[in-house]
Amino acid sequence: MEALRRRTWGPLDPYALNRYLLNRKKNTTMTTATAPYPAHLTGELAPRLSRWLWIVKTILAIPHFIVLAGLGVAFVATTLFAGFAILFTGRYPRALFDFNVGVLRWNWRVGFYVYAAMGTDRYPPFTLAKTDYPADFDVDYPERLSRGLVLVKSWLLALPQLIITMLVVGEFLVYPLSSGGGPAAIIAQEAGAFSVLGLLVLMAGLLVLVTGTYPRPLFDFLLGINRWLYRVTTYVALMRDEYPPFRLDTGSRDPS
């Protein structure tokens, strides 16, 4: 305001003030709409992928699934504890924050290898820490967090994002596992289901099997979906106060 007064060389001009506020609002809106989110997901597509290995990756990753099941329980517990800490202190305990980021990082590396992108044949490491693995996830540590938002972020404010997430990862695309004769058999037949994300990854695997190549546009689109999902997870897990943007930032790396 003082700078504005100095530019007008006299009493504050109401018209200049109006233009100043309008320009400031416009610039703030543009910055918010295009600013990178403080959760960073990356994944580098391998130049060559095995045509058949993706078929057995789920089996190969069973040890990871077992570890992640335990880490998932710990993640929920540490998030609840962190929620109380934020409520009373306005800060996310750094040790808990680093642990939860590590769990999400581990989960993303396994997802990148198996079910979320299938972008590499390199086996994921058993560690919470950053490595040279071609998939990584990180979150900027917040010095302060809102005490009030912690009460409504995860279930109320995040509801629109959670609905979109459910539509992407929920297994709604039903297909029969067996077929039999007669109406009774059709009604009672077993069925499986795909999520939208799972179907896209399956398409990628089939293309690799048949052609030996992974279409780059499909890979970039899958990275955009996963980036959205992990931003929402970051927000729901109380790790940031910034609301996740409703946009797909596709490609191997976050926009700078």
C-alpha atoms as a PDB file:
ATOM      1  CA  MET A   1       0.000   0.000   0.000  1.00  0.00           C
ATOM      2  CA  GLU A   2       2.808   2.415   0.873  1.00  0.00           C
ATOM      3  CA  ALA A   3       4.482   1.533  -2.401  1.00  0.00           C
ATOM      4  CA  LEU A   4       1.226   2.331  -4.179  1.00  0.00           C
ATOM      5  CA  ARG A   5       1.019   5.702  -2.379  1.00  0.00           C
ATOM      6  CA  ARG A   6       4.562   6.514  -3.427  1.00  0.00           C
ATOM      7  CA  ARG A   7       3.785   5.668  -7.057  1.00  0.00           C
ATOM      8  CA  THR A   8       0.799   8.021  -7.094  1.00  0.00           C
ATOM      9  CA  TRP A   9       2.930  10.916  -5.742  1.00  0.00           C
ATOM     10  CA  GLY A  10       0.156  12.195  -3.510  1.00  0.00           C
ATOM     11  CA  PRO A  11      -3.040  11.176  -1.744  1.00  0.00           C
ATOM     12  CA  LEU A  12      -4.087   7.622  -2.386  1.00  0.00           C
ATOM     13  CA  ASP A  13      -6.069   7.440  -5.629  1.00  0.00           C
ATOM     14  CA  PRO A  14      -9.158   5.166  -5.245  1.00  0.00           C
ATOM     15  CA  TYR A  15      -9.063   4.272  -8.944  1.00  0.00           C
ATOM     16  CA  ALA A  16      -5.424   3.281  -8.706  1.00  0.00           C
ATOM     17  CA  LEU A  17      -6.246   1.249  -5.608  1.00  0.00           C
ATOM     18  CA  ASN A  18      -9.005  -0.574  -7.476  1.00  0.00           C
ATOM     19  CA  ARG A  19      -6.680  -1.409 -10.363  1.00  0.00           C
ATOM     20  CA  TYR A  20      -4.004  -2.537  -7.896  1.00  0.00           C
ATOM     21  CA  LEU A  21      -6.372  -4.915  -6.105  1.00  0.00           C
ATOM     22  CA  LEU A  22      -7.769  -6.323  -9.342  1.00  0.00           C
ATOM     23  CA  ASN A  23      -4.295  -6.996 -10.718  1.00  0.00           C
ATOM     24  CA  ARG A  24      -3.181  -8.542  -7.445  1.00  0.00           C
ATOM     25  CA  LYS A  25      -6.205 -10.855  -7.371  1.00  0.00           C
ATOM     26  CA  LYS A  26      -5.618 -11.840 -10.984  1.00  0.00           C
ATOM     27  CA  ASN A  27      -1.951 -12.598 -10.386  1.00  0.00           C
ATOM     28  CA  THR A  28      -2.722 -14.570  -7.217  1.00  0.00           C
ATOM     29  CA  THR A  29      -5.352 -16.645  -9.023  1.00  0.00           C
ATOM     30  CA  MET A  30      -3.003 -17.416 -11.886  1.00  0.00           C
ATOM     31  CA  THR A  31      -0.207 -18.380  -9.494  1.00  0.00           C
ATOM     32  CA  THR A  32      -2.506 -20.693  -7.518  1.00  0.00           C
ATOM     33  CA  ALA A  33      -3.819 -22.337 -10.661  1.00  0.00           C
ATOM     34  CA  THR A  34      -0.382 -23.097 -12.094  1.00  0.00           C
ATOM     35  CA  ALA A  35       1.839 -23.455  -9.028  1.00  0.00           C
ATOM     36  CA  PRO A  36       3.323 -26.925  -8.477  1.00  0.00           C
ATOM     37  CA  TYR A  37       1.836 -28.871  -5.585  1.00  0.00           C
ATOM     38  CA  PRO A  38       4.286 -29.519  -2.704  1.00  0.00           C
ATOM     39  CA  ALA A  39       4.009 -33.298  -3.164  1.00  0.00           C
ATOM     40  CA  HIS A  40       6.333 -34.523  -5.903  1.00  0.00           C
ATOM     41  CA  LEU A  41       5.855 -37.805  -7.771  1.00  0.00           C
ATOM     42  CA  THR A  42       8.267 -38.880 -10.481  1.00  0.00           C
ATOM     43  CA  GLY A  43       8.736 -41.951 -12.624  1.00  0.00           C
ATOM     44  CA  GLU A  44      11.134 -42.631 -15.496  1.00  0.00           C
ATOM     45  CA  LEU A  45       9.994 -45.081 -18.161  1.00  0.00           C
ATOM     46  CA  ALA A  46      12.599 -47.750 -18.879  1.00  0.00           C
ATOM     47  CA  PRO A  47      13.833 -47.668 -22.504  1.00  0.00           C
ATOM     48  CA  ARG A  48      13.314 -51.428 -22.787  1.00  0.00           C
ATOM     49  CA  LEU A  49      10.819 -53.638 -20.948  1.00  0.00           C
ATOM     50  CA  SER A  50      10.483 -57.420 -20.911  1.00  0.00           C
ATOM     51  CA  ARG A  51       7.507 -58.617 -22.924  1.00  0.00           C
ATOM     52  CA  TRP A  52       6.495 -61.227 -20.373  1.00  0.00           C
ATOM     53  CA  LEU A  53       7.856 -60.211 -16.960  1.00  0.00           C
ATOM     54  CA  TRP A  54       4.826 -58.008 -16.176  1.00  0.00           C
ATOM     55  CA  ILE A  55       2.667 -61.162 -16.103  1.00  0.00           C
ATOM     56  CA  VAL A  56       4.474 -62.468 -12.987  1.00  0.00           C
ATOM     57  CA  LYS A  57       5.399 -59.177 -11.306  1.00  0.00           C
ATOM     58  CA  THR A  58       2.482 -59.474  -8.870  1.00  0.00           C
ATOM     59  CA  ILE A  59       3.930 -62.764  -7.611  1.00  0.00           C
ATOM     60  CA  LEU A  60       7.450 -61.380  -7.449  1.00  0.00           C
ATOM     61  CA  ALA A  61       6.218 -58.404  -5.407  1.00  0.00           C
ATOM     62  CA  ILE A  62       4.491 -60.507  -2.705  1.00  0.00           C
ATOM     63  CA  PRO A  63       7.271 -59.806  -0.146  1.00  0.00           C
ATOM     64  CA  HIS A  64       6.688 -56.093  -0.695  1.00  0.00           C
ATOM     65  CA  PHE A  65       2.930 -56.480  -0.272  1.00  0.00           C
ATOM     66  CA  ILE A  66       3.468 -58.204   3.074  1.00  0.00           C
ATOM     67  CA  VAL A  67       5.759 -55.444   4.334  1.00  0.00           C
ATOM     68  CA  LEU A  68       3.468 -52.700   3.021  1.00  0.00           C
ATOM     69  CA  ALA A  69       0.509 -54.226   4.837  1.00  0.00           C
ATOM     70  CA  GLY A  70       2.321 -53.718   8.134  1.00  0.00           C
ATOM     71  CA  LEU A  71       3.562 -50.291   7.115  1.00  0.00           C
ATOM     72  CA  GLY A  72       0.011 -49.334   6.164  1.00  0.00           C
ATOM     73  CA  VAL A  73      -1.214 -50.051   9.680  1.00  0.00           C
ATOM     74  CA  ALA A  74       1.644 -47.982  11.095  1.00  0.00           C
ATOM     75  CA  PHE A  75       0.869 -45.191   8.603  1.00  0.00           C
ATOM     76  CA  VAL A  76      -2.712 -44.906   9.864  1.00  0.00           C
ATOM     77  CA  ALA A  77      -1.567 -44.882  13.502  1.00  0.00           C
ATOM     78  CA  THR A  78       1.121 -42.238  12.949  1.00  0.00           C
ATOM     79  CA  THR A  79      -1.322 -40.074  10.970  1.00  0.00           C
ATOM     80  CA  LEU A  80      -3.807 -40.134  13.849  1.00  0.00           C
ATOM     81  CA  PHE A  81      -1.062 -39.254  16.326  1.00  0.00           C
ATOM     82  CA  ALA A  82       0.166 -36.472  14.041  1.00  0.00           C
ATOM     83  CA  GLY A  83      -3.392 -35.140  13.821  1.00  0.00           C
ATOM     84  CA  PHE A  84      -3.512 -34.634  17.586  1.00  0.00           C
ATOM     85  CA  ALA A  85      -0.060 -33.052  17.520  1.00  0.00           C
ATOM     86  CA  ILE A  86      -1.170 -30.590  14.813  1.00  0.00           C
ATOM     87  CA  LEU A  87      -4.352 -29.800  16.738  1.00  0.00           C
ATOM     88  CA  PHE A  88      -2.428 -28.794  19.854  1.00  0.00           C
ATOM     89  CA  THR A  89       0.851 -27.471  18.428  1.00  0.00           C
ATOM     90  CA  GLY A  90       0.219 -26.573  14.793  1.00  0.00           C
ATOM     91  CA  ARG A  91       3.166 -28.727  13.735  1.00  0.00           C
ATOM     92  CA  TYR A  92       3.551 -32.170  12.183  1.00  0.00           C
ATOM     93  CA  PRO A  93       6.253 -34.054  14.147  1.00  0.00           C
ATOM     94  CA  ARG A  94       9.182 -34.299  11.759  1.00  0.00           C
ATOM     95  CA  ALA A  95      10.021 -37.922  12.551  1.00  0.00           C
ATOM     96  CA  LEU A  96       6.440 -39.021  11.858  1.00  0.00           C
ATOM     97  CA  PHE A  97       6.345 -36.901   8.712  1.00  0.00           C
ATOM     98  CA  ASP A  98       9.505 -38.471   7.319  1.00  0.00           C
ATOM     99  CA  PHE A  99       8.226 -41.954   8.169  1.00  0.00           C
ATOM    100  CA  ASN A 100       4.892 -41.395   6.412  1.00  0.00           C
ATOM    101  CA  VAL A 101       6.576 -39.915   3.358  1.00  0.00           C
ATOM    102  CA  GLY A 102       8.810 -42.987   3.306  1.00  0.00           C
ATOM    103  CA  VAL A 103       5.798 -45.309   3.401  1.00  0.00           C
ATOM    104  CA  LEU A 104       4.179 -43.481   0.486  1.00  0.00           C
ATOM    105  CA  ARG A 105       7.497 -43.531  -1.374  1.00  0.00           C
ATOM    106  CA  TRP A 106       7.829 -47.298  -0.873  1.00  0.00           C
ATOM    107  CA  ASN A 107       4.222 -47.815  -1.950  1.00  0.00           C
ATOM    108  CA  TRP A 108       4.742 -45.771  -5.119  1.00  0.00           C
ATOM    109  CA  ARG A 109       7.909 -47.648  -6.069  1.00  0.00           C
ATOM    110  CA  VAL A 110       6.053 -50.962  -5.801  1.00  0.00           C
ATOM    111  CA  GLY A 111       3.088 -49.534  -7.696  1.00  0.00           C
ATOM    112  CA  PHE A 112       5.379 -48.219 -10.422  1.00  0.00           C
ATOM    113  CA  TYR A 113       6.883 -51.703 -10.738  1.00  0.00           C
ATOM    114  CA  VAL A 114       3.634 -53.701 -10.662  1.00  0.00           C
ATOM    115  CA  TYR A 115       0.113 -52.326 -10.718  1.00  0.00           C
ATOM    116  CA  ALA A 116       0.106 -48.539 -11.100  1.00  0.00           C
ATOM    117  CA  ALA A 117       2.345 -47.934 -14.113  1.00  0.00           C
ATOM    118  CA  MET A 118       4.601 -50.951 -14.868  1.00  0.00           C
ATOM    119  CA  GLY A 119       7.265 -48.505 -15.968  1.00  0.00           C
ATOM    120  CA  THR A 120      10.333 -50.546 -15.041  1.00  0.00           C
ATOM    121  CA  ASP A 121      11.542 -54.123 -14.653  1.00  0.00           C
ATOM    122  CA  ARG A 122      13.966 -53.150 -11.894  1.00  0.00           C
ATOM    123  CA  TYR A 123      12.936 -54.682  -8.576  1.00  0.00           C
ATOM    124  CA  PRO A 124      12.029 -52.085  -5.896  1.00  0.00           C
ATOM    125  CA  PRO A 125      14.333 -51.722  -2.876  1.00  0.00           C
ATOM    126  CA  PHE A 126      13.189 -52.543   0.661  1.00  0.00           C
ATOM    127  CA  THR A 127      13.687 -49.115   2.186  1.00  0.00           C
ATOM    128  CA  LEU A 128      11.824 -45.971   3.193  1.00  0.00           C
ATOM    129  CA  ALA A 129      14.714 -43.751   2.122  1.00  0.00           C
ATOM    130  CA  LYS A 130      15.339 -42.063  -1.199  1.00  0.00           C
ATOM    131  CA  THR A 131      17.349 -44.147  -3.645  1.00  0.00           C
ATOM    132  CA  ASP A 132      18.307 -44.039  -7.311  1.00  0.00           C
ATOM    133  CA  TYR A 133      15.214 -46.089  -8.196  1.00  0.00           C
ATOM    134  CA  PRO A 134      13.468 -44.677 -11.316  1.00  0.00           C
ATOM    135  CA  ALA A 135      10.329 -43.848  -9.315  1.00  0.00           C
ATOM    136  CA  ASP A 136      10.296 -41.487  -6.344  1.00  0.00           C
ATOM    137  CA  PHE A 137       7.903 -39.547  -4.130  1.00  0.00           C
ATOM    138  CA  ASP A 138       8.536 -36.682  -1.742  1.00  0.00           C
ATOM    139  CA  VAL A 139       6.608 -34.004   0.154  1.00  0.00           C
ATOM    140  CA  ASP A 140       7.883 -30.613   1.233  1.00  0.00           C
ATOM    141  CA  TYR A 141       7.854 -30.402   5.016  1.00  0.00           C
ATOM    142  CA  PRO A 142       5.446 -27.706   6.302  1.00  0.00           C
ATOM    143  CA  GLU A 143       6.755 -25.537   9.110  1.00  0.00           C
ATOM    144  CA  ARG A 144       3.217 -24.769  10.290  1.00  0.00           C
ATOM    145  CA  LEU A 145      -0.191 -26.361   9.699  1.00  0.00           C
ATOM    146  CA  SER A 146      -3.687 -25.080  10.465  1.00  0.00           C
ATOM    147  CA  ARG A 147      -5.115 -26.400  13.728  1.00  0.00           C
ATOM    148  CA  GLY A 148      -8.667 -25.972  12.498  1.00  0.00           C
ATOM    149  CA  LEU A 149      -8.252 -27.643   9.103  1.00  0.00           C
ATOM    150  CA  VAL A 150      -6.984 -30.820  10.709  1.00  0.00           C
ATOM    151  CA  LEU A 151     -10.539 -31.492  11.917  1.00  0.00           C
ATOM    152  CA  VAL A 152     -12.189 -31.307   8.490  1.00  0.00           C
ATOM    153  CA  LYS A 153      -9.556 -31.937   5.803  1.00  0.00           C
ATOM    154  CA  SER A 154      -9.612 -35.705   5.633  1.00  0.00           C
ATOM    155  CA  TRP A 155     -13.345 -36.322   5.425  1.00  0.00           C
ATOM    156  CA  LEU A 156     -15.216 -33.120   4.522  1.00  0.00           C
ATOM    157  CA  LEU A 157     -12.984 -30.879   2.415  1.00  0.00           C
ATOM    158  CA  ALA A 158     -11.415 -33.818   0.612  1.00  0.00           C
ATOM    159  CA  LEU A 159     -14.775 -35.384  -0.287  1.00  0.00           C
ATOM    160  CA  PRO A 160     -14.874 -34.200  -3.947  1.00  0.00           C
ATOM    161  CA  GLN A 161     -11.322 -35.477  -4.440  1.00  0.00           C
ATOM    162  CA  LEU A 162     -12.133 -38.779  -2.729  1.00  0.00           C
ATOM    163  CA  ILE A 163     -15.121 -39.322  -5.024  1.00  0.00           C
ATOM    164  CA  ILE A 164     -12.898 -38.869  -8.078  1.00  0.00           C
ATOM    165  CA  THR A 165     -10.275 -41.149  -6.540  1.00  0.00           C
ATOM    166  CA  MET A 166     -12.886 -43.832  -5.896  1.00  0.00           C
ATOM    167  CA  LEU A 167     -14.035 -43.664  -9.520  1.00  0.00           C
ATOM    168  CA  VAL A 168     -10.431 -44.140 -10.695  1.00  0.00           C
ATOM    169  CA  VAL A 169      -9.274 -46.922  -8.370  1.00  0.00           C
ATOM    170  CA  GLY A 170     -12.601 -48.542  -7.447  1.00  0.00           C
ATOM    171  CA  GLU A 171     -13.205 -51.879  -9.139  1.00  0.00           C
ATOM    172  CA  PHE A 172     -16.441 -51.155 -10.969  1.00  0.00           C
ATOM    173  CA  LEU A 173     -15.681 -52.690 -14.378  1.00  0.00           C
ATOM    174  CA  VAL A 174     -17.085 -56.176 -13.766  1.00  0.00           C
ATOM    175  CA  TYR A 175     -16.276 -59.146 -15.989  1.00  0.00           C
ATOM    176  CA  PRO A 176     -17.275 -62.856 -15.640  1.00  0.00           C
ATOM    177  CA  LEU A 177     -14.732 -65.374 -14.430  1.00  0.00           C
ATOM    178  CA  SER A 178     -16.854 -68.343 -15.498  1.00  0.00           C
ATOM    179  CA  SER A 179     -19.858 -69.055 -17.690  1.00  0.00           C
ATOM    180  CA  GLY A 180     -22.432 -71.757 -17.392  1.00  0.00           C
ATOM    181  CA  GLY A 181     -25.730 -72.854 -18.842  1.00  0.00           C
ATOM    182  CA  GLY A 182     -29.062 -71.420 -17.842  1.00  0.00           C
ATOM    183  CA  PRO A 183     -30.173 -68.231 -16.108  1.00  0.00           C
ATOM    184  CA  ALA A 184     -29.381 -69.576 -12.641  1.00  0.00           C
ATOM    185  CA  ALA A 185     -25.776 -70.192 -13.613  1.00  0.00           C
ATOM    186  CA  ILE A 186     -25.481 -66.684 -15.043  1.00  0.00           C
ATOM    187  CA  ILE A 187     -26.812 -65.145 -11.837  1.00  0.00           C
ATOM    188  CA  ALA A 188     -24.546 -67.234  -9.627  1.00  0.00           C
ATOM    189  CA  GLN A 189     -21.421 -67.062 -11.756  1.00  0.00           C
ATOM    190  CA  GLU A 190     -18.218 -65.715 -10.274  1.00  0.00           C
ATOM    191  CA  ALA A 191     -17.077 -62.313 -11.359  1.00  0.00           C
ATOM    192  CA  GLY A 192     -13.991 -60.177 -11.168  1.00  0.00           C
ATOM    193  CA  ALA A 193     -13.571 -56.457 -11.648  1.00  0.00           C
ATOM    194  CA  PHE A 194     -11.139 -53.885 -12.967  1.00  0.00           C
ATOM    195  CA  SER A 195     -10.584 -50.327 -11.875  1.00  0.00           C
ATOM    196  CA  VAL A 196     -10.056 -47.658 -14.511  1.00  0.00           C
ATOM    197  CA  LEU A 197      -6.403 -47.451 -13.462  1.00  0.00           C
ATOM    198  CA  GLY A 198      -6.031 -51.232 -13.504  1.00  0.00           C
ATOM    199  CA  LEU A 199      -7.572 -51.500 -16.969  1.00  0.00           C
ATOM    200  CA  LEU A 200      -5.192 -48.873 -18.373  1.00  0.00           C
ATOM    201  CA  VAL A 201      -2.192 -50.664 -16.857  1.00  0.00           C
ATOM    202  CA  LEU A 202      -3.422 -53.972 -18.292  1.00  0.00           C
ATOM    203  CA  MET A 203      -3.683 -52.331 -21.713  1.00  0.00           C
ATOM    204  CA  ALA A 204      -0.089 -51.148 -21.341  1.00  0.00           C
ATOM    205  CA  GLY A 205       1.034 -54.665 -20.434  1.00  0.00           C
ATOM    206  CA  LEU A 206      -0.728 -56.194 -23.441  1.00  0.00           C
ATOM    207  CA  LEU A 207       0.835 -53.620 -25.757  1.00  0.00           C
ATOM    208  CA  VAL A 208       4.276 -54.418 -24.353  1.00  0.00           C
ATOM    209  CA  LEU A 209       3.577 -58.141 -24.810  1.00  0.00           C
ATOM    210  CA  VAL A 210       2.496 -57.770 -28.429  1.00  0.00           C
ATOM    211  CA  THR A 211       4.665 -54.922 -29.700  1.00  0.00           C
ATOM    212  CA  GLY A 212       7.555 -54.793 -27.231  1.00  0.00           C
ATOM    213  CA  THR A 213       6.984 -51.059 -26.688  1.00  0.00           C
ATOM    214  CA  TYR A 214       5.156 -48.982 -24.078  1.00  0.00           C
ATOM    215  CA  PRO A 215       3.260 -46.071 -25.702  1.00  0.00           C
ATOM    216  CA  ARG A 216       4.646 -42.887 -24.190  1.00  0.00           C
ATOM    217  CA  PRO A 217       1.308 -40.993 -24.156  1.00  0.00           C
ATOM    218  CA  LEU A 218      -0.290 -43.816 -22.161  1.00  0.00           C
ATOM    219  CA  PHE A 219       2.604 -43.844 -19.696  1.00  0.00           C
ATOM    220  CA  ASP A 220       2.433 -40.074 -19.240  1.00  0.00           C
ATOM    221  CA  PHE A 221      -1.321 -40.277 -18.668  1.00  0.00           C
ATOM    222  CA  LEU A 222      -0.863 -42.991 -16.033  1.00  0.00           C
ATOM    223  CA  LEU A 223       1.752 -40.868 -14.271  1.00  0.00           C
ATOM    224  CA  GLY A 224      -0.729 -37.986 -14.220  1.00  0.00           C
ATOM    225  CA  ILE A 225      -3.393 -40.167 -12.630  1.00  0.00           C
ATOM    226  CA  ASN A 226      -0.990 -41.458  -9.982  1.00  0.00           C
ATOM    227  CA  ARG A 227       0.282 -37.941  -9.312  1.00  0.00           C
ATOM    228  CA  TRP A 228      -3.293 -36.831  -8.633  1.00  0.00           C
ATOM    229  CA  LEU A 229      -3.918 -39.817  -6.334  1.00  0.00           C
ATOM    230  CA  TYR A 230      -0.783 -39.204  -4.283  1.00  0.00           C
ATOM    231  CA  ARG A 231      -1.543 -35.497  -3.929  1.00  0.00           C
ATOM    232  CA  VAL A 232      -4.943 -36.384  -2.513  1.00  0.00           C
ATOM    233  CA  THR A 233      -3.342 -38.934  -0.189  1.00  0.00           C
ATOM    234  CA  THR A 234      -0.888 -36.279   1.002  1.00  0.00           C
ATOM    235  CA  TYR A 235      -3.751 -33.911   1.810  1.00  0.00           C
ATOM    236  CA  VAL A 236      -5.921 -36.557   3.495  1.00  0.00           C
ATOM    237  CA  ALA A 237      -2.929 -37.696   5.561  1.00  0.00           C
ATOM    238  CA  LEU A 238      -2.718 -34.134   6.973  1.00  0.00           C
ATOM    239  CA  MET A 239       0.745 -33.547   5.538  1.00  0.00           C
ATOM    240  CA  ARG A 240      -0.131 -30.308   3.715  1.00  0.00           C
ATOM    241  CA  ASP A 241      -2.843 -27.645   3.980  1.00  0.00           C
ATOM    242  CA  GLU A 242      -2.796 -26.748   0.273  1.00  0.00           C
ATOM    243  CA  TYR A 243      -5.817 -28.196  -1.485  1.00  0.00           C
ATOM    244  CA  PRO A 244      -4.900 -30.593  -4.328  1.00  0.00           C
ATOM    245  CA  PRO A 245      -5.546 -29.098  -7.763  1.00  0.00           C
ATOM    246  CA  PHE A 246      -8.210 -30.571 -10.027  1.00  0.00           C
ATOM    247  CA  ARG A 247      -5.822 -31.217 -12.883  1.00  0.00           C
ATOM    248  CA  LEU A 248      -3.729 -33.940 -14.463  1.00  0.00           C
ATOM    249  CA  ASP A 249      -0.049 -33.034 -14.588  1.00  0.00           C
ATOM    250  CA  THR A 250       1.087 -35.732 -16.952  1.00  0.00           C
ATOM    251  CA  GLY A 251       4.632 -36.804 -17.690  1.00  0.00           C
ATOM    252  CA  SER A 252       7.547 -38.309 -15.819  1.00  0.00           C
ATOM    253  CA  ARG A 253       8.189 -35.275 -13.634  1.00  0.00           C
ATOM    254  CA  ASP A 254       6.130 -32.696 -11.799  1.00  0.00           C
ATOM    255  CA  PRO A 255       5.795 -29.324 -13.513  1.00  0.00           C
ATOM    256  CA  SER A 256       8.446 -26.929 -12.271  1.00  0.00           C
END
